[in-house]
Amino acid sequence: MRAALDVLGYACVFVRNATLSPDVSVKMINDLMEAIHDIPSQLKTWDSERIDLLRLHLRCFDSTLYPGAPNFSSRFEMLLSSYNEEAEQD
């Protein structure tokens, strides 16, 4: 859940900063919001099967279509791996 919250926050900051540019792609913002809008609901009803649905949603945002946009799916996987390793060490 922590990795999903971090990605959600990162996406919000990315959109906030992107909207400072007068030529921001409205389609990019729409695509990203489509990918992340369900994260709060998924976290509210979290179980082990939700992770695949969350991955599916994050993959809906194709960062390669938007130069400079981060890959939120890769970021989620990196954070998830990092947090899992951290938990195993505790």
Protein backbone atom coordinates (compact mmCIF):
# COMPACT_ATOMS: atom_id res chain seq x y z
CA MET A 1 0.00 0.00 0.00
CA ARG A 2 2.86 2.36 0.77
CA ALA A 3 4.25 2.14 -2.78
CA ALA A 4 0.82 2.90 -4.23
CA LEU A 5 0.42 5.97 -2.00
CA ASP A 6 3.87 7.18 -2.97
CA VAL A 7 3.08 6.80 -6.68
CA LEU A 8 -0.22 8.61 -6.22
CA GLY A 9 1.53 11.52 -4.52
CA TYR A 10 4.26 11.57 -7.17
CA ALA A 11 1.64 11.64 -9.94
CA CYS A 12 -0.15 14.56 -8.29
CA VAL A 13 3.10 16.54 -8.03
CA PHE A 14 3.94 15.70 -11.63
CA VAL A 15 0.56 16.99 -12.86
CA ARG A 16 0.75 20.08 -10.67
CA ASN A 17 4.17 20.94 -12.11
CA ALA A 18 3.16 20.02 -15.67
CA THR A 19 0.22 22.42 -15.57
CA LEU A 20 2.64 25.32 -15.05
CA SER A 21 3.59 24.94 -18.70
CA PRO A 22 1.27 26.68 -21.17
CA ASP A 23 1.64 23.86 -23.69
CA VAL A 24 0.87 20.98 -21.33
CA SER A 25 -0.90 18.06 -22.98
CA VAL A 26 -4.46 17.81 -21.69
CA LYS A 27 -4.53 14.27 -23.07
CA MET A 28 -1.47 13.37 -20.97
CA ILE A 29 -3.14 14.65 -17.83
CA ASN A 30 -6.33 12.81 -18.70
CA ASP A 31 -4.43 9.58 -19.38
CA LEU A 32 -2.57 9.83 -16.09
CA MET A 33 -5.71 10.61 -14.11
CA GLU A 34 -7.39 7.64 -15.76
CA ALA A 35 -4.51 5.45 -14.61
CA ILE A 36 -4.46 6.62 -10.99
CA HIS A 37 -8.05 7.62 -10.18
CA ASP A 38 -8.90 4.20 -8.75
CA ILE A 39 -5.88 3.91 -6.42
CA PRO A 40 -7.69 5.30 -3.33
CA SER A 41 -10.56 2.85 -3.80
CA GLN A 42 -8.14 -0.04 -4.30
CA LEU A 43 -6.31 0.87 -1.10
CA LYS A 44 -9.54 1.25 0.84
CA THR A 45 -10.53 -2.32 -0.02
CA TRP A 46 -6.99 -3.75 -0.09
CA ASP A 47 -6.27 -7.46 -0.27
CA SER A 48 -3.48 -9.42 -1.93
CA GLU A 49 -5.38 -9.69 -5.22
CA ARG A 50 -5.59 -5.90 -5.63
CA ILE A 51 -1.94 -5.53 -6.56
CA ASP A 52 -2.51 -6.96 -10.04
CA LEU A 53 -5.42 -4.58 -10.64
CA LEU A 54 -3.30 -1.68 -9.45
CA ARG A 55 -0.53 -2.72 -11.86
CA LEU A 56 -3.06 -2.91 -14.68
CA HIS A 57 -4.25 0.63 -14.01
CA LEU A 58 -0.72 2.03 -13.81
CA ARG A 59 0.21 0.39 -17.11
CA CYS A 60 -2.64 2.33 -18.76
CA PHE A 61 -0.45 5.43 -18.69
CA ASP A 62 2.08 5.10 -21.51
CA SER A 63 4.84 7.51 -20.54
CA THR A 64 6.61 6.94 -23.86
CA LEU A 65 3.89 9.01 -25.55
CA TYR A 66 4.80 12.06 -23.46
CA PRO A 67 8.45 13.20 -23.44
CA GLY A 68 9.63 13.89 -19.92
CA ALA A 69 6.79 11.99 -18.27
CA PRO A 70 7.84 9.44 -15.66
CA ASN A 71 6.99 5.78 -15.95
CA PHE A 72 4.66 5.35 -12.98
CA SER A 73 4.40 1.60 -13.42
CA SER A 74 8.18 1.20 -13.17
CA ARG A 75 8.30 3.58 -10.23
CA PHE A 76 5.65 1.53 -8.43
CA GLU A 77 7.58 -1.71 -8.99
CA MET A 78 10.84 -0.12 -7.81
CA LEU A 79 9.20 1.26 -4.66
CA LEU A 80 7.37 -1.98 -3.98
CA SER A 81 10.59 -3.96 -4.23
CA SER A 82 12.42 -1.49 -2.02
CA TYR A 83 9.70 -1.49 0.65
CA ASN A 84 9.48 -5.29 0.60
CA GLU A 85 13.24 -5.55 1.14
CA GLU A 86 12.97 -3.04 3.96
CA ALA A 87 10.21 -5.08 5.62
CA GLU A 88 12.20 -8.30 5.31
CA GLN A 89 15.14 -6.70 7.14
CA ASP A 90 12.98 -5.66 10.10
